[in-house]
């Protein structure tokens, strides 16, 4: 019986190690999920802002880009770059902060019926 006393309490140590590993894995999954959410939020804001700006493209670049800023801001993003070339709006919207920051580019234009 004296030889078995050295294993006493080892299950507790292994239990703590398993719980610590599970916590690290869970934290990594949560971080990945947050990154995906920020990316999707930026993409949605960029698409909506580009479409809103395309609706104002004939009023000039300033008006179109200001409309894009308003829509992107309402979606929790901010317009980093906005330009109008012809009838096409090309912009980049950023969302999130720090490590969880995403920038997405979107383009939208006016459909011209050549029929």
PDB file of N, CA and C in Angstrom:
ATOM      1  N   UNK A   1       0.779  -1.197   0.000  1.00  0.00           N
ATOM      2  CA  UNK A   1       0.000   0.000   0.000  1.00  0.00           C
ATOM      3  C   UNK A   1       0.826   1.270   0.000  1.00  0.00           C
ATOM      4  N   UNK A   2       2.050   1.185   0.448  1.00  0.00           N
ATOM      5  CA  UNK A   2       2.867   2.397   0.504  1.00  0.00           C
ATOM      6  C   UNK A   2       3.176   2.935  -0.894  1.00  0.00           C
ATOM      7  N   UNK A   3       3.301   2.086  -1.908  1.00  0.00           N
ATOM      8  CA  UNK A   3       3.654   2.534  -3.257  1.00  0.00           C
ATOM      9  C   UNK A   3       2.536   3.299  -3.950  1.00  0.00           C
ATOM     10  N   UNK A   4       1.307   3.134  -3.535  1.00  0.00           N
ATOM     11  CA  UNK A   4       0.162   3.758  -4.189  1.00  0.00           C
ATOM     12  C   UNK A   4      -0.108   5.164  -3.662  1.00  0.00           C
ATOM     13  N   UNK A   5       0.517   5.566  -2.616  1.00  0.00           N
ATOM     14  CA  UNK A   5       0.262   6.889  -2.035  1.00  0.00           C
ATOM     15  C   UNK A   5       0.769   8.021  -2.937  1.00  0.00           C
ATOM     16  N   UNK A   6       1.703   7.761  -3.844  1.00  0.00           N
ATOM     17  CA  UNK A   6       2.253   8.798  -4.718  1.00  0.00           C
ATOM     18  C   UNK A   6       1.278   9.265  -5.790  1.00  0.00           C
ATOM     19  N   UNK A   7       0.230   8.478  -6.095  1.00  0.00           N
ATOM     20  CA  UNK A   7      -0.758   8.850  -7.103  1.00  0.00           C
ATOM     21  C   UNK A   7      -1.942   9.610  -6.513  1.00  0.00           C
ATOM     22  N   UNK A   8      -1.965   9.750  -5.245  1.00  0.00           N
ATOM     23  CA  UNK A   8      -3.104  10.374  -4.585  1.00  0.00           C
ATOM     24  C   UNK A   8      -3.228  11.854  -4.999  1.00  0.00           C
ATOM     25  N   UNK A   9      -4.392  12.251  -5.530  1.00  0.00           N
ATOM     26  CA  UNK A   9      -4.643  13.634  -5.947  1.00  0.00           C
ATOM     27  C   UNK A   9      -4.303  13.916  -7.394  1.00  0.00           C
ATOM     28  N   UNK A  10      -3.788  12.955  -8.153  1.00  0.00           N
ATOM     29  CA  UNK A  10      -3.422  13.216  -9.551  1.00  0.00           C
ATOM     30  C   UNK A  10      -4.650  13.440 -10.434  1.00  0.00           C
ATOM     31  N   UNK A  11      -5.777  12.875 -10.091  1.00  0.00           N
ATOM     32  CA  UNK A  11      -7.004  13.099 -10.867  1.00  0.00           C
ATOM     33  C   UNK A  11      -7.423  14.565 -10.792  1.00  0.00           C
ATOM     34  N   UNK A  12      -7.203  15.197  -9.671  1.00  0.00           N
ATOM     35  CA  UNK A  12      -7.533  16.621  -9.530  1.00  0.00           C
ATOM     36  C   UNK A  12      -6.669  17.465 -10.447  1.00  0.00           C
ATOM     37  N   UNK A  13      -5.399  17.135 -10.541  1.00  0.00           N
ATOM     38  CA  UNK A  13      -4.489  17.879 -11.421  1.00  0.00           C
ATOM     39  C   UNK A  13      -4.922  17.709 -12.870  1.00  0.00           C
ATOM     40  N   UNK A  14      -5.206  16.465 -13.269  1.00  0.00           N
ATOM     41  CA  UNK A  14      -5.660  16.228 -14.638  1.00  0.00           C
ATOM     42  C   UNK A  14      -6.978  16.937 -14.920  1.00  0.00           C
ATOM     43  N   UNK A  15      -7.860  16.974 -13.954  1.00  0.00           N
ATOM     44  CA  UNK A  15      -9.128  17.682 -14.111  1.00  0.00           C
ATOM     45  C   UNK A  15      -8.926  19.168 -14.349  1.00  0.00           C
ATOM     46  N   UNK A  16      -8.018  19.770 -13.590  1.00  0.00           N
ATOM     47  CA  UNK A  16      -7.714  21.192 -13.764  1.00  0.00           C
ATOM     48  C   UNK A  16      -7.109  21.448 -15.146  1.00  0.00           C
ATOM     49  N   UNK A  17      -6.219  20.566 -15.595  1.00  0.00           N
ATOM     50  CA  UNK A  17      -5.599  20.720 -16.915  1.00  0.00           C
ATOM     51  C   UNK A  17      -6.655  20.633 -18.019  1.00  0.00           C
ATOM     52  N   UNK A  18      -7.559  19.680 -17.921  1.00  0.00           N
ATOM     53  CA  UNK A  18      -8.617  19.527 -18.929  1.00  0.00           C
ATOM     54  C   UNK A  18      -9.519  20.756 -18.956  1.00  0.00           C
ATOM     55  N   UNK A  19      -9.897  21.256 -17.804  1.00  0.00           N
ATOM     56  CA  UNK A  19     -10.743  22.454 -17.737  1.00  0.00           C
ATOM     57  C   UNK A  19     -10.010  23.658 -18.346  1.00  0.00           C
ATOM     58  N   UNK A  20      -8.718  23.805 -18.073  1.00  0.00           N
ATOM     59  CA  UNK A  20      -7.950  24.921 -18.634  1.00  0.00           C
ATOM     60  C   UNK A  20      -7.883  24.826 -20.154  1.00  0.00           C
ATOM     61  N   UNK A  21      -7.652  23.636 -20.675  1.00  0.00           N
ATOM     62  CA  UNK A  21      -7.600  23.454 -22.136  1.00  0.00           C
ATOM     63  C   UNK A  21      -8.953  23.767 -22.757  1.00  0.00           C
ATOM     64  N   UNK A  22     -10.019  23.312 -22.150  1.00  0.00           N
ATOM     65  CA  UNK A  22     -11.357  23.604 -22.664  1.00  0.00           C
ATOM     66  C   UNK A  22     -11.653  25.107 -22.643  1.00  0.00           C
ATOM     67  N   UNK A  23     -11.200  25.793 -21.619  1.00  0.00           N
ATOM     68  CA  UNK A  23     -11.391  27.254 -21.557  1.00  0.00           C
ATOM     69  C   UNK A  23     -10.650  27.958 -22.682  1.00  0.00           C
ATOM     70  N   UNK A  24      -9.436  27.536 -22.984  1.00  0.00           N
ATOM     71  CA  UNK A  24      -8.657  28.140 -24.066  1.00  0.00           C
ATOM     72  C   UNK A  24      -9.337  27.885 -25.413  1.00  0.00           C
ATOM     73  N   UNK A  25      -9.794  26.665 -25.629  1.00  0.00           N
ATOM     74  CA  UNK A  25     -10.481  26.336 -26.884  1.00  0.00           C
ATOM     75  C   UNK A  25     -11.770  27.147 -27.012  1.00  0.00           C
ATOM     76  N   UNK A  26     -12.537  27.249 -25.947  1.00  0.00           N
ATOM     77  CA  UNK A  26     -13.768  28.019 -25.953  1.00  0.00           C
ATOM     78  C   UNK A  26     -13.488  29.494 -26.241  1.00  0.00           C
ATOM     79  N   UNK A  27     -12.448  30.050 -25.646  1.00  0.00           N
ATOM     80  CA  UNK A  27     -12.071  31.438 -25.922  1.00  0.00           C
ATOM     81  C   UNK A  27     -11.689  31.653 -27.377  1.00  0.00           C
ATOM     82  N   UNK A  28     -10.962  30.703 -27.967  1.00  0.00           N
ATOM     83  CA  UNK A  28     -10.585  30.813 -29.382  1.00  0.00           C
ATOM     84  C   UNK A  28     -11.813  30.761 -30.279  1.00  0.00           C
ATOM     85  N   UNK A  29     -12.768  29.906 -29.967  1.00  0.00           N
ATOM     86  CA  UNK A  29     -13.999  29.817 -30.752  1.00  0.00           C
ATOM     87  C   UNK A  29     -14.797  31.115 -30.641  1.00  0.00           C
ATOM     88  N   UNK A  30     -14.873  31.685 -29.455  1.00  0.00           N
ATOM     89  CA  UNK A  30     -15.568  32.962 -29.283  1.00  0.00           C
ATOM     90  C   UNK A  30     -14.893  34.084 -30.074  1.00  0.00           C
ATOM     91  N   UNK A  31     -13.570  34.124 -30.072  1.00  0.00           N
ATOM     92  CA  UNK A  31     -12.842  35.153 -30.819  1.00  0.00           C
ATOM     93  C   UNK A  31     -13.080  35.003 -32.317  1.00  0.00           C
ATOM     94  N   UNK A  32     -13.063  33.786 -32.803  1.00  0.00           N
ATOM     95  CA  UNK A  32     -13.328  33.550 -34.220  1.00  0.00           C
ATOM     96  C   UNK A  32     -14.748  33.971 -34.582  1.00  0.00           C
ATOM     97  N   UNK A  33     -15.689  33.656 -33.726  1.00  0.00           N
ATOM     98  CA  UNK A  33     -17.071  34.072 -33.963  1.00  0.00           C
ATOM     99  C   UNK A  33     -17.214  35.583 -34.004  1.00  0.00           C
ATOM    100  N   UNK A  34     -16.532  36.273 -33.118  1.00  0.00           N
ATOM    101  CA  UNK A  34     -16.575  37.732 -33.107  1.00  0.00           C
ATOM    102  C   UNK A  34     -15.979  38.309 -34.391  1.00  0.00           C
ATOM    103  N   UNK A  35     -14.886  37.733 -34.859  1.00  0.00           N
ATOM    104  CA  UNK A  35     -14.267  38.204 -36.100  1.00  0.00           C
ATOM    105  C   UNK A  35     -15.210  38.018 -37.288  1.00  0.00           C
ATOM    106  N   UNK A  36     -15.913  36.908 -37.330  1.00  0.00           N
ATOM    107  CA  UNK A  36     -16.858  36.657 -38.422  1.00  0.00           C
ATOM    108  C   UNK A  36     -18.014  37.648 -38.367  1.00  0.00           C
ATOM    109  N   UNK A  37     -18.528  37.925 -37.181  1.00  0.00           N
ATOM    110  CA  UNK A  37     -19.625  38.883 -37.039  1.00  0.00           C
ATOM    111  C   UNK A  37     -19.202  40.272 -37.506  1.00  0.00           C
ATOM    112  N   UNK A  38     -18.018  40.713 -37.123  1.00  0.00           N
ATOM    113  CA  UNK A  38     -17.522  42.033 -37.528  1.00  0.00           C
ATOM    114  C   UNK A  38     -17.366  42.097 -39.050  1.00  0.00           C
ATOM    115  N   UNK A  39     -16.860  41.038 -39.649  1.00  0.00           N
ATOM    116  CA  UNK A  39     -16.686  40.987 -41.111  1.00  0.00           C
ATOM    117  C   UNK A  39     -18.028  41.081 -41.825  1.00  0.00           C
ATOM    118  N   UNK A  40     -19.022  40.358 -41.342  1.00  0.00           N
ATOM    119  CA  UNK A  40     -20.337  40.389 -41.962  1.00  0.00           C
ATOM    120  C   UNK A  40     -21.011  41.742 -41.771  1.00  0.00           C
ATOM    121  N   UNK A  41     -20.805  42.339 -40.605  1.00  0.00           N
ATOM    122  CA  UNK A  41     -21.378  43.664 -40.356  1.00  0.00           C
ATOM    123  C   UNK A  41     -20.764  44.705 -41.305  1.00  0.00           C
ATOM    124  N   UNK A  42     -19.465  44.615 -41.514  1.00  0.00           N
ATOM    125  CA  UNK A  42     -18.802  45.538 -42.441  1.00  0.00           C
ATOM    126  C   UNK A  42     -19.284  45.307 -43.876  1.00  0.00           C
ATOM    127  N   UNK A  43     -19.450  44.065 -44.266  1.00  0.00           N
ATOM    128  CA  UNK A  43     -19.903  43.754 -45.628  1.00  0.00           C
ATOM    129  C   UNK A  43     -21.321  44.259 -45.860  1.00  0.00           C
ATOM    130  N   UNK A  44     -22.198  44.039 -44.898  1.00  0.00           N
ATOM    131  CA  UNK A  44     -23.571  44.527 -45.026  1.00  0.00           C
ATOM    132  C   UNK A  44     -23.629  46.036 -45.083  1.00  0.00           C
ATOM    133  N   UNK A  45     -22.861  46.696 -44.229  1.00  0.00           N
ATOM    134  CA  UNK A  45     -22.822  48.162 -44.244  1.00  0.00           C
ATOM    135  C   UNK A  45     -22.256  48.709 -45.538  1.00  0.00           C
ATOM    136  N   UNK A  46     -21.240  48.053 -46.084  1.00  0.00           N
ATOM    137  CA  UNK A  46     -20.642  48.506 -47.344  1.00  0.00           C
ATOM    138  C   UNK A  46     -21.623  48.351 -48.501  1.00  0.00           C
ATOM    139  N   UNK A  47     -22.305  47.224 -48.549  1.00  0.00           N
ATOM    140  CA  UNK A  47     -23.275  47.012 -49.623  1.00  0.00           C
ATOM    141  C   UNK A  47     -24.410  48.025 -49.568  1.00  0.00           C
ATOM    142  N   UNK A  48     -24.972  48.227 -48.380  1.00  0.00           N
ATOM    143  CA  UNK A  48     -26.065  49.181 -48.243  1.00  0.00           C
ATOM    144  C   UNK A  48     -25.616  50.611 -48.531  1.00  0.00           C
ATOM    145  N   UNK A  49     -24.429  50.962 -48.081  1.00  0.00           N
ATOM    146  CA  UNK A  49     -23.918  52.317 -48.325  1.00  0.00           C
ATOM    147  C   UNK A  49     -23.669  52.543 -49.812  1.00  0.00           C
ATOM    148  N   UNK A  50     -23.130  51.544 -50.496  1.00  0.00           N
ATOM    149  CA  UNK A  50     -22.881  51.679 -51.931  1.00  0.00           C
ATOM    150  C   UNK A  50     -24.196  51.827 -52.695  1.00  0.00           C
ATOM    151  N   UNK A  51     -25.198  51.057 -52.330  1.00  0.00           N
ATOM    152  CA  UNK A  51     -26.495  51.178 -53.001  1.00  0.00           C
ATOM    153  C   UNK A  51     -27.145  52.534 -52.735  1.00  0.00           C
ATOM    154  N   UNK A  52     -27.042  53.003 -51.501  1.00  0.00           N
ATOM    155  CA  UNK A  52     -27.613  54.319 -51.173  1.00  0.00           C
ATOM    156  C   UNK A  52     -26.900  55.423 -51.940  1.00  0.00           C
ATOM    157  N   UNK A  53     -25.584  55.321 -52.036  1.00  0.00           N
ATOM    158  CA  UNK A  53     -24.815  56.331 -52.766  1.00  0.00           C
ATOM    159  C   UNK A  53     -25.121  56.274 -54.255  1.00  0.00           C
ATOM    160  N   UNK A  54     -25.322  55.077 -54.792  1.00  0.00           N
ATOM    161  CA  UNK A  54     -25.636  54.947 -56.222  1.00  0.00           C
ATOM    162  C   UNK A  54     -26.954  55.628 -56.559  1.00  0.00           C
ATOM    163  N   UNK A  55     -27.866  55.652 -55.615  1.00  0.00           N
ATOM    164  CA  UNK A  55     -29.130  56.343 -55.832  1.00  0.00           C
ATOM    165  C   UNK A  55     -28.986  57.853 -55.885  1.00  0.00           C
ATOM    166  N   UNK A  56     -27.889  58.381 -55.401  1.00  0.00           N
ATOM    167  CA  UNK A  56     -27.638  59.832 -55.408  1.00  0.00           C
ATOM    168  C   UNK A  56     -26.486  60.219 -56.322  1.00  0.00           C
ATOM    169  N   UNK A  57     -26.045  59.318 -57.191  1.00  0.00           N
ATOM    170  CA  UNK A  57     -24.840  59.554 -57.983  1.00  0.00           C
ATOM    171  C   UNK A  57     -25.000  60.734 -58.948  1.00  0.00           C
ATOM    172  N   UNK A  58     -26.219  60.993 -59.407  1.00  0.00           N
ATOM    173  CA  UNK A  58     -26.423  62.091 -60.352  1.00  0.00           C
ATOM    174  C   UNK A  58     -26.427  63.458 -59.663  1.00  0.00           C
ATOM    175  N   UNK A  59     -26.444  63.476 -58.337  1.00  0.00           N
ATOM    176  CA  UNK A  59     -26.388  64.725 -57.588  1.00  0.00           C
ATOM    177  C   UNK A  59     -24.955  65.144 -57.279  1.00  0.00           C
ATOM    178  N   UNK A  60     -23.995  64.323 -57.643  1.00  0.00           N
ATOM    179  CA  UNK A  60     -22.587  64.657 -57.440  1.00  0.00           C
ATOM    180  C   UNK A  60     -21.929  63.740 -56.427  1.00  0.00           C
ATOM    181  N   UNK A  61     -20.595  63.715 -56.482  1.00  0.00           N
ATOM    182  CA  UNK A  61     -19.821  62.838 -55.609  1.00  0.00           C
ATOM    183  C   UNK A  61     -19.999  63.191 -54.136  1.00  0.00           C
ATOM    184  N   UNK A  62     -20.029  64.475 -53.835  1.00  0.00           N
ATOM    185  CA  UNK A  62     -20.166  64.897 -52.440  1.00  0.00           C
ATOM    186  C   UNK A  62     -21.467  64.421 -51.820  1.00  0.00           C
ATOM    187  N   UNK A  63     -22.557  64.584 -52.529  1.00  0.00           N
ATOM    188  CA  UNK A  63     -23.869  64.169 -52.021  1.00  0.00           C
ATOM    189  C   UNK A  63     -23.930  62.652 -51.899  1.00  0.00           C
ATOM    190  N   UNK A  64     -23.430  61.941 -52.919  1.00  0.00           N
ATOM    191  CA  UNK A  64     -23.458  60.474 -52.902  1.00  0.00           C
ATOM    192  C   UNK A  64     -22.624  59.921 -51.750  1.00  0.00           C
ATOM    193  N   UNK A  65     -21.436  60.458 -51.561  1.00  0.00           N
ATOM    194  CA  UNK A  65     -20.569  59.955 -50.487  1.00  0.00           C
ATOM    195  C   UNK A  65     -21.108  60.321 -49.109  1.00  0.00           C
ATOM    196  N   UNK A  66     -21.748  61.470 -48.985  1.00  0.00           N
ATOM    197  CA  UNK A  66     -22.352  61.847 -47.708  1.00  0.00           C
ATOM    198  C   UNK A  66     -23.505  60.905 -47.369  1.00  0.00           C
ATOM    199  N   UNK A  67     -24.266  60.533 -48.374  1.00  0.00           N
ATOM    200  CA  UNK A  67     -25.354  59.564 -48.157  1.00  0.00           C
ATOM    201  C   UNK A  67     -24.777  58.214 -47.719  1.00  0.00           C
ATOM    202  N   UNK A  68     -23.672  57.814 -48.350  1.00  0.00           N
ATOM    203  CA  UNK A  68     -23.009  56.557 -47.984  1.00  0.00           C
ATOM    204  C   UNK A  68     -22.523  56.608 -46.542  1.00  0.00           C
ATOM    205  N   UNK A  69     -21.962  57.739 -46.113  1.00  0.00           N
ATOM    206  CA  UNK A  69     -21.498  57.878 -44.733  1.00  0.00           C
ATOM    207  C   UNK A  69     -22.649  57.734 -43.741  1.00  0.00           C
ATOM    208  N   UNK A  70     -23.786  58.327 -44.071  1.00  0.00           N
ATOM    209  CA  UNK A  70     -24.951  58.237 -43.199  1.00  0.00           C
ATOM    210  C   UNK A  70     -25.457  56.807 -43.050  1.00  0.00           C
ATOM    211  N   UNK A  71     -25.548  56.103 -44.164  1.00  0.00           N
ATOM    212  CA  UNK A  71     -26.039  54.718 -44.128  1.00  0.00           C
ATOM    213  C   UNK A  71     -25.033  53.811 -43.417  1.00  0.00           C
ATOM    214  N   UNK A  72     -23.753  53.974 -43.717  1.00  0.00           N
ATOM    215  CA  UNK A  72     -22.728  53.149 -43.069  1.00  0.00           C
ATOM    216  C   UNK A  72     -22.706  53.405 -41.564  1.00  0.00           C
ATOM    217  N   UNK A  73     -22.857  54.661 -41.168  1.00  0.00           N
ATOM    218  CA  UNK A  73     -22.890  54.994 -39.741  1.00  0.00           C
ATOM    219  C   UNK A  73     -24.087  54.368 -39.044  1.00  0.00           C
ATOM    220  N   UNK A  74     -25.227  54.331 -39.716  1.00  0.00           N
ATOM    221  CA  UNK A  74     -26.418  53.709 -39.141  1.00  0.00           C
ATOM    222  C   UNK A  74     -26.239  52.204 -38.970  1.00  0.00           C
ATOM    223  N   UNK A  75     -25.347  51.612 -39.764  1.00  0.00           N
ATOM    224  CA  UNK A  75     -25.070  50.179 -39.683  1.00  0.00           C
ATOM    225  C   UNK A  75     -23.902  49.862 -38.743  1.00  0.00           C
ATOM    226  N   UNK A  76     -23.352  50.883 -38.106  1.00  0.00           N
ATOM    227  CA  UNK A  76     -22.252  50.663 -37.166  1.00  0.00           C
ATOM    228  C   UNK A  76     -20.883  50.664 -37.826  1.00  0.00           C
ATOM    229  N   UNK A  77     -20.782  51.186 -39.028  1.00  0.00           N
ATOM    230  CA  UNK A  77     -19.504  51.241 -39.738  1.00  0.00           C
ATOM    231  C   UNK A  77     -19.132  52.671 -40.068  1.00  0.00           C
ATOM    232  N   UNK A  78     -18.023  52.832 -40.752  1.00  0.00           N
ATOM    233  CA  UNK A  78     -17.602  54.159 -41.191  1.00  0.00           C
ATOM    234  C   UNK A  78     -16.960  54.047 -42.561  1.00  0.00           C
ATOM    235  N   UNK A  79     -17.230  55.024 -43.401  1.00  0.00           N
ATOM    236  CA  UNK A  79     -16.679  55.027 -44.762  1.00  0.00           C
ATOM    237  C   UNK A  79     -15.234  55.481 -44.689  1.00  0.00           C
ATOM    238  N   UNK A  80     -14.336  54.635 -45.181  1.00  0.00           N
ATOM    239  CA  UNK A  80     -12.912  54.938 -45.186  1.00  0.00           C
ATOM    240  C   UNK A  80     -12.534  55.618 -46.489  1.00  0.00           C
ATOM    241  N   UNK A  81     -13.147  55.176 -47.586  1.00  0.00           N
ATOM    242  CA  UNK A  81     -12.838  55.710 -48.909  1.00  0.00           C
ATOM    243  C   UNK A  81     -14.106  55.702 -49.739  1.00  0.00           C
ATOM    244  N   UNK A  82     -14.342  56.766 -50.488  1.00  0.00           N
ATOM    245  CA  UNK A  82     -15.518  56.854 -51.356  1.00  0.00           C
ATOM    246  C   UNK A  82     -15.148  57.632 -52.605  1.00  0.00           C
ATOM    247  N   UNK A  83     -15.470  57.048 -53.741  1.00  0.00           N
ATOM    248  CA  UNK A  83     -15.235  57.762 -54.996  1.00  0.00           C
ATOM    249  C   UNK A  83     -16.328  57.406 -55.984  1.00  0.00           C
ATOM    250  N   UNK A  84     -16.605  58.343 -56.873  1.00  0.00           N
ATOM    251  CA  UNK A  84     -17.594  58.144 -57.921  1.00  0.00           C
ATOM    252  C   UNK A  84     -16.883  58.294 -59.255  1.00  0.00           C
ATOM    253  N   UNK A  85     -16.971  57.259 -60.073  1.00  0.00           N
ATOM    254  CA  UNK A  85     -16.395  57.292 -61.416  1.00  0.00           C
ATOM    255  C   UNK A  85     -17.525  57.024 -62.384  1.00  0.00           C
ATOM    256  N   UNK A  86     -17.889  58.049 -63.138  1.00  0.00           N
ATOM    257  CA  UNK A  86     -19.030  57.914 -64.032  1.00  0.00           C
ATOM    258  C   UNK A  86     -20.292  57.740 -63.216  1.00  0.00           C
ATOM    259  N   UNK A  87     -20.941  56.600 -63.378  1.00  0.00           N
ATOM    260  CA  UNK A  87     -22.165  56.311 -62.639  1.00  0.00           C
ATOM    261  C   UNK A  87     -21.973  55.193 -61.619  1.00  0.00           C
ATOM    262  N   UNK A  88     -20.713  54.923 -61.273  1.00  0.00           N
ATOM    263  CA  UNK A  88     -20.387  53.835 -60.344  1.00  0.00           C
ATOM    264  C   UNK A  88     -19.762  54.409 -59.068  1.00  0.00           C
ATOM    265  N   UNK A  89     -20.300  53.982 -57.938  1.00  0.00           N
ATOM    266  CA  UNK A  89     -19.762  54.372 -56.629  1.00  0.00           C
ATOM    267  C   UNK A  89     -18.875  53.236 -56.141  1.00  0.00           C
ATOM    268  N   UNK A  90     -17.662  53.573 -55.729  1.00  0.00           N
ATOM    269  CA  UNK A  90     -16.708  52.594 -55.201  1.00  0.00           C
ATOM    270  C   UNK A  90     -16.295  53.081 -53.821  1.00  0.00           C
ATOM    271  N   UNK A  91     -16.574  52.266 -52.801  1.00  0.00           N
ATOM    272  CA  UNK A  91     -16.257  52.714 -51.449  1.00  0.00           C
ATOM    273  C   UNK A  91     -15.768  51.557 -50.586  1.00  0.00           C
ATOM    274  N   UNK A  92     -15.145  51.931 -49.469  1.00  0.00           N
ATOM    275  CA  UNK A  92     -14.672  50.964 -48.482  1.00  0.00           C
ATOM    276  C   UNK A  92     -15.247  51.353 -47.127  1.00  0.00           C
ATOM    277  N   UNK A  93     -15.806  50.364 -46.434  1.00  0.00           N
ATOM    278  CA  UNK A  93     -16.399  50.586 -45.118  1.00  0.00           C
ATOM    279  C   UNK A  93     -15.636  49.754 -44.090  1.00  0.00           C
ATOM    280  N   UNK A  94     -15.316  50.369 -42.958  1.00  0.00           N
ATOM    281  CA  UNK A  94     -14.639  49.679 -41.861  1.00  0.00           C
ATOM    282  C   UNK A  94     -15.611  49.517 -40.702  1.00  0.00           C
ATOM    283  N   UNK A  95     -15.455  48.404 -40.005  1.00  0.00           N
ATOM    284  CA  UNK A  95     -16.290  48.133 -38.842  1.00  0.00           C
ATOM    285  C   UNK A  95     -15.433  47.462 -37.776  1.00  0.00           C
ATOM    286  N   UNK A  96     -15.774  47.675 -36.522  1.00  0.00           N
ATOM    287  CA  UNK A  96     -15.025  47.060 -35.430  1.00  0.00           C
ATOM    288  C   UNK A  96     -13.821  47.892 -35.032  1.00  0.00           C
ATOM    289  N   UNK A  97     -13.108  47.417 -34.005  1.00  0.00           N
ATOM    290  CA  UNK A  97     -11.924  48.109 -33.509  1.00  0.00           C
ATOM    291  C   UNK A  97     -10.838  47.101 -33.161  1.00  0.00           C
ATOM    292  N   UNK A  98      -9.622  47.562 -33.169  1.00  0.00           N
ATOM    293  CA  UNK A  98      -8.488  46.741 -32.736  1.00  0.00           C
ATOM    294  C   UNK A  98      -8.294  45.505 -33.578  1.00  0.00           C
ATOM    295  N   UNK A  99      -8.121  44.393 -32.911  1.00  0.00           N
ATOM    296  CA  UNK A  99      -7.913  43.126 -33.599  1.00  0.00           C
ATOM    297  C   UNK A  99      -9.155  42.738 -34.400  1.00  0.00           C
ATOM    298  N   UNK A 100     -10.317  43.105 -33.900  1.00  0.00           N
ATOM    299  CA  UNK A 100     -11.572  42.764 -34.556  1.00  0.00           C
ATOM    300  C   UNK A 100     -12.034  43.908 -35.451  1.00  0.00           C
ATOM    301  N   UNK A 101     -11.201  44.307 -36.381  1.00  0.00           N
ATOM    302  CA  UNK A 101     -11.512  45.375 -37.331  1.00  0.00           C
ATOM    303  C   UNK A 101     -11.513  44.783 -38.725  1.00  0.00           C
ATOM    304  N   UNK A 102     -12.528  45.134 -39.506  1.00  0.00           N
ATOM    305  CA  UNK A 102     -12.617  44.626 -40.871  1.00  0.00           C
ATOM    306  C   UNK A 102     -12.931  45.770 -41.813  1.00  0.00           C
ATOM    307  N   UNK A 103     -12.334  45.730 -42.993  1.00  0.00           N
ATOM    308  CA  UNK A 103     -12.627  46.685 -44.058  1.00  0.00           C
ATOM    309  C   UNK A 103     -13.135  45.909 -45.269  1.00  0.00           C
ATOM    310  N   UNK A 104     -14.238  46.398 -45.837  1.00  0.00           N
ATOM    311  CA  UNK A 104     -14.840  45.725 -46.982  1.00  0.00           C
ATOM    312  C   UNK A 104     -15.098  46.747 -48.076  1.00  0.00           C
ATOM    313  N   UNK A 105     -14.783  46.365 -49.315  1.00  0.00           N
ATOM    314  CA  UNK A 105     -14.983  47.232 -50.468  1.00  0.00           C
ATOM    315  C   UNK A 105     -16.274  46.831 -51.170  1.00  0.00           C
ATOM    316  N   UNK A 106     -17.024  47.829 -51.613  1.00  0.00           N
ATOM    317  CA  UNK A 106     -18.273  47.571 -52.334  1.00  0.00           C
ATOM    318  C   UNK A 106     -18.396  48.566 -53.486  1.00  0.00           C
ATOM    319  N   UNK A 107     -19.050  48.108 -54.540  1.00  0.00           N
ATOM    320  CA  UNK A 107     -19.306  48.962 -55.711  1.00  0.00           C
ATOM    321  C   UNK A 107     -20.764  48.836 -56.090  1.00  0.00           C
ATOM    322  N   UNK A 108     -21.334  49.932 -56.540  1.00  0.00           N
ATOM    323  CA  UNK A 108     -22.714  49.924 -57.031  1.00  0.00           C
ATOM    324  C   UNK A 108     -22.830  51.018 -58.077  1.00  0.00           C
ATOM    325  N   UNK A 109     -23.691  50.789 -59.015  1.00  0.00           N
ATOM    326  CA  UNK A 109     -23.878  51.770 -60.081  1.00  0.00           C
ATOM    327  C   UNK A 109     -25.323  51.830 -60.513  1.00  0.00           C
ATOM    328  N   UNK A 110     -25.565  52.751 -61.423  1.00  0.00           N
ATOM    329  CA  UNK A 110     -26.901  52.954 -61.957  1.00  0.00           C
ATOM    330  C   UNK A 110     -27.043  52.099 -63.195  1.00  0.00           C
ATOM    331  N   UNK A 111     -28.148  51.366 -63.273  1.00  0.00           N
ATOM    332  CA  UNK A 111     -28.425  50.545 -64.444  1.00  0.00           C
ATOM    333  C   UNK A 111     -28.977  51.441 -65.537  1.00  0.00           C
ATOM    334  N   UNK A 112     -28.298  51.458 -66.668  1.00  0.00           N
ATOM    335  CA  UNK A 112     -28.722  52.279 -67.802  1.00  0.00           C
ATOM    336  C   UNK A 112     -29.310  51.352 -68.858  1.00  0.00           C
ATOM    337  N   UNK A 113     -30.565  51.624 -69.213  1.00  0.00           N
ATOM    338  CA  UNK A 113     -31.251  50.815 -70.214  1.00  0.00           C
ATOM    339  C   UNK A 113     -30.849  51.297 -71.603  1.00  0.00           C
ATOM    340  N   UNK A 114     -30.141  50.421 -72.316  1.00  0.00           N
ATOM    341  CA  UNK A 114     -29.661  50.790 -73.651  1.00  0.00           C
ATOM    342  C   UNK A 114     -30.630  50.338 -74.733  1.00  0.00           C
ATOM    343  N   UNK A 115     -31.790  49.802 -74.323  1.00  0.00           N
ATOM    344  CA  UNK A 115     -32.788  49.195 -75.204  1.00  0.00           C
ATOM    345  C   UNK A 115     -33.341  50.092 -76.209  1.00  0.00           C
TER     346      UNK A 115
END
